[in-house]
Amino acid sequence: MAYTNSTGARFETPLHDRCRDVVNHGTHQRAQIALVLREADGAPPPTDAIFFVRDA
């Protein structure tokens, strides 16, 4: 997969590596949101996939 980043540099990365990056980035974003909620004395909801499967 060929792409250009925000500074104009070109890269080529296998698609499976980019897919893994998308999943990993989502994990990072959920952790950041949980931290913000905790800092505001809140309790973040469960975000692991198993909780969604169990509720279905």
N, C-alpha and C. Protein backbone atom coordinates (compact mmCIF):
# COMPACT_ATOMS: atom_id res chain seq x y z
N MET A 1 0.85 -1.16 0.00
CA MET A 1 0.00 0.00 0.00
C MET A 1 0.90 1.23 0.00
N ALA A 2 0.78 2.03 -1.03
CA ALA A 2 1.58 3.26 -1.13
C ALA A 2 0.75 4.44 -0.62
N TYR A 3 1.39 5.32 0.11
CA TYR A 3 0.70 6.50 0.62
C TYR A 3 1.70 7.61 0.88
N THR A 4 1.17 8.81 1.05
CA THR A 4 1.97 10.00 1.36
C THR A 4 1.50 10.54 2.70
N ASN A 5 2.44 10.81 3.60
CA ASN A 5 2.02 11.31 4.92
C ASN A 5 1.78 12.82 4.85
N SER A 6 1.47 13.42 5.99
CA SER A 6 1.09 14.83 6.02
C SER A 6 2.23 15.78 5.68
N THR A 7 3.47 15.31 5.73
CA THR A 7 4.59 16.18 5.35
C THR A 7 5.02 15.96 3.90
N GLY A 8 4.32 15.06 3.20
CA GLY A 8 4.62 14.81 1.80
C GLY A 8 5.57 13.65 1.54
N ALA A 9 6.03 12.98 2.59
CA ALA A 9 6.93 11.84 2.42
C ALA A 9 6.13 10.62 1.95
N ARG A 10 6.67 9.89 0.97
CA ARG A 10 5.99 8.71 0.44
C ARG A 10 6.48 7.45 1.14
N PHE A 11 5.56 6.53 1.36
CA PHE A 11 5.87 5.26 2.00
C PHE A 11 5.13 4.13 1.29
N GLU A 12 5.64 2.93 1.46
CA GLU A 12 4.92 1.73 1.04
C GLU A 12 4.93 0.77 2.23
N THR A 13 3.75 0.31 2.60
CA THR A 13 3.58 -0.58 3.74
C THR A 13 2.58 -1.67 3.36
N PRO A 14 2.85 -2.92 3.74
CA PRO A 14 1.87 -3.97 3.45
C PRO A 14 0.51 -3.65 4.09
N LEU A 15 -0.56 -4.01 3.40
CA LEU A 15 -1.91 -3.73 3.89
C LEU A 15 -2.15 -4.32 5.27
N HIS A 16 -1.66 -5.54 5.54
CA HIS A 16 -1.91 -6.13 6.85
C HIS A 16 -1.28 -5.32 7.98
N ASP A 17 -0.16 -4.65 7.71
CA ASP A 17 0.45 -3.79 8.72
C ASP A 17 -0.38 -2.54 8.96
N ARG A 18 -0.96 -1.99 7.91
CA ARG A 18 -1.81 -0.80 8.06
C ARG A 18 -3.08 -1.16 8.82
N CYS A 19 -3.65 -2.34 8.54
CA CYS A 19 -4.85 -2.78 9.27
C CYS A 19 -4.55 -2.93 10.74
N ARG A 20 -3.42 -3.50 11.06
CA ARG A 20 -3.00 -3.66 12.46
C ARG A 20 -2.85 -2.28 13.12
N ASP A 21 -2.33 -1.32 12.39
CA ASP A 21 -2.16 0.03 12.91
C ASP A 21 -3.50 0.67 13.22
N VAL A 22 -4.50 0.45 12.38
CA VAL A 22 -5.83 1.00 12.62
C VAL A 22 -6.41 0.46 13.92
N VAL A 23 -6.30 -0.85 14.12
CA VAL A 23 -6.81 -1.47 15.35
C VAL A 23 -6.05 -0.94 16.56
N ASN A 24 -4.74 -0.88 16.46
CA ASN A 24 -3.93 -0.40 17.57
C ASN A 24 -4.24 1.06 17.89
N HIS A 25 -4.47 1.88 16.88
CA HIS A 25 -4.78 3.29 17.11
C HIS A 25 -6.12 3.42 17.84
N GLY A 26 -7.08 2.56 17.49
CA GLY A 26 -8.37 2.59 18.19
C GLY A 26 -8.20 2.27 19.66
N THR A 27 -7.33 1.33 19.97
CA THR A 27 -7.05 0.99 21.36
C THR A 27 -6.46 2.18 22.09
N HIS A 28 -5.55 2.87 21.43
CA HIS A 28 -4.92 4.06 22.02
C HIS A 28 -5.96 5.15 22.28
N GLN A 29 -6.86 5.36 21.33
CA GLN A 29 -7.89 6.40 21.50
C GLN A 29 -8.81 6.07 22.67
N ARG A 30 -9.21 4.80 22.81
CA ARG A 30 -10.08 4.41 23.93
C ARG A 30 -9.38 4.65 25.26
N ALA A 31 -8.09 4.36 25.32
CA ALA A 31 -7.34 4.60 26.55
C ALA A 31 -7.27 6.08 26.88
N GLN A 32 -7.10 6.92 25.87
CA GLN A 32 -7.06 8.36 26.11
C GLN A 32 -8.40 8.86 26.64
N ILE A 33 -9.49 8.39 26.07
CA ILE A 33 -10.82 8.79 26.53
C ILE A 33 -11.05 8.34 27.97
N ALA A 34 -10.64 7.11 28.28
CA ALA A 34 -10.79 6.60 29.64
C ALA A 34 -10.01 7.46 30.63
N LEU A 35 -8.82 7.88 30.25
CA LEU A 35 -8.00 8.73 31.12
C LEU A 35 -8.69 10.07 31.38
N VAL A 36 -9.23 10.67 30.35
CA VAL A 36 -9.92 11.96 30.51
C VAL A 36 -11.12 11.80 31.45
N LEU A 37 -11.87 10.72 31.28
CA LEU A 37 -13.01 10.49 32.17
C LEU A 37 -12.56 10.29 33.61
N ARG A 38 -11.49 9.54 33.82
CA ARG A 38 -10.98 9.33 35.19
C ARG A 38 -10.49 10.64 35.80
N GLU A 39 -9.83 11.47 35.00
CA GLU A 39 -9.34 12.76 35.51
C GLU A 39 -10.49 13.67 35.91
N ALA A 40 -11.66 13.46 35.30
CA ALA A 40 -12.85 14.24 35.64
C ALA A 40 -13.69 13.52 36.69
N ASP A 41 -13.07 12.59 37.41
CA ASP A 41 -13.72 11.80 38.46
C ASP A 41 -14.87 10.96 37.93
N GLY A 42 -14.79 10.57 36.67
CA GLY A 42 -15.79 9.70 36.09
C GLY A 42 -15.28 8.27 36.01
N ALA A 43 -16.14 7.39 35.60
CA ALA A 43 -15.77 5.99 35.42
C ALA A 43 -16.01 5.62 33.96
N PRO A 44 -14.97 5.27 33.25
CA PRO A 44 -15.16 4.93 31.84
C PRO A 44 -15.93 3.61 31.70
N PRO A 45 -16.76 3.51 30.68
CA PRO A 45 -17.49 2.26 30.47
C PRO A 45 -16.55 1.19 29.94
N PRO A 46 -16.92 -0.07 30.08
CA PRO A 46 -16.09 -1.13 29.50
C PRO A 46 -16.06 -0.98 27.98
N THR A 47 -14.90 -1.15 27.39
CA THR A 47 -14.78 -0.99 25.93
C THR A 47 -14.22 -2.22 25.24
N ASP A 48 -13.91 -3.27 26.00
CA ASP A 48 -13.41 -4.49 25.36
C ASP A 48 -14.53 -5.12 24.55
N ALA A 49 -14.17 -5.73 23.45
CA ALA A 49 -15.14 -6.33 22.54
C ALA A 49 -16.02 -7.36 23.22
N ILE A 50 -15.49 -8.08 24.20
CA ILE A 50 -16.26 -9.12 24.86
C ILE A 50 -17.51 -8.56 25.54
N PHE A 51 -17.46 -7.34 26.03
CA PHE A 51 -18.64 -6.73 26.66
C PHE A 51 -19.75 -6.51 25.64
N PHE A 52 -19.39 -6.15 24.41
CA PHE A 52 -20.38 -5.95 23.36
C PHE A 52 -20.98 -7.28 22.93
N VAL A 53 -20.16 -8.32 22.88
CA VAL A 53 -20.63 -9.65 22.49
C VAL A 53 -21.58 -10.19 23.55
N ARG A 54 -21.24 -9.99 24.81
CA ARG A 54 -22.10 -10.49 25.89
C ARG A 54 -23.44 -9.79 25.94
N ASP A 55 -23.48 -8.51 25.58
CA ASP A 55 -24.73 -7.74 25.61
C ASP A 55 -25.63 -8.02 24.42
N ALA A 56 -25.09 -8.65 23.40
CA ALA A 56 -25.88 -8.87 22.17
C ALA A 56 -26.94 -9.92 22.35
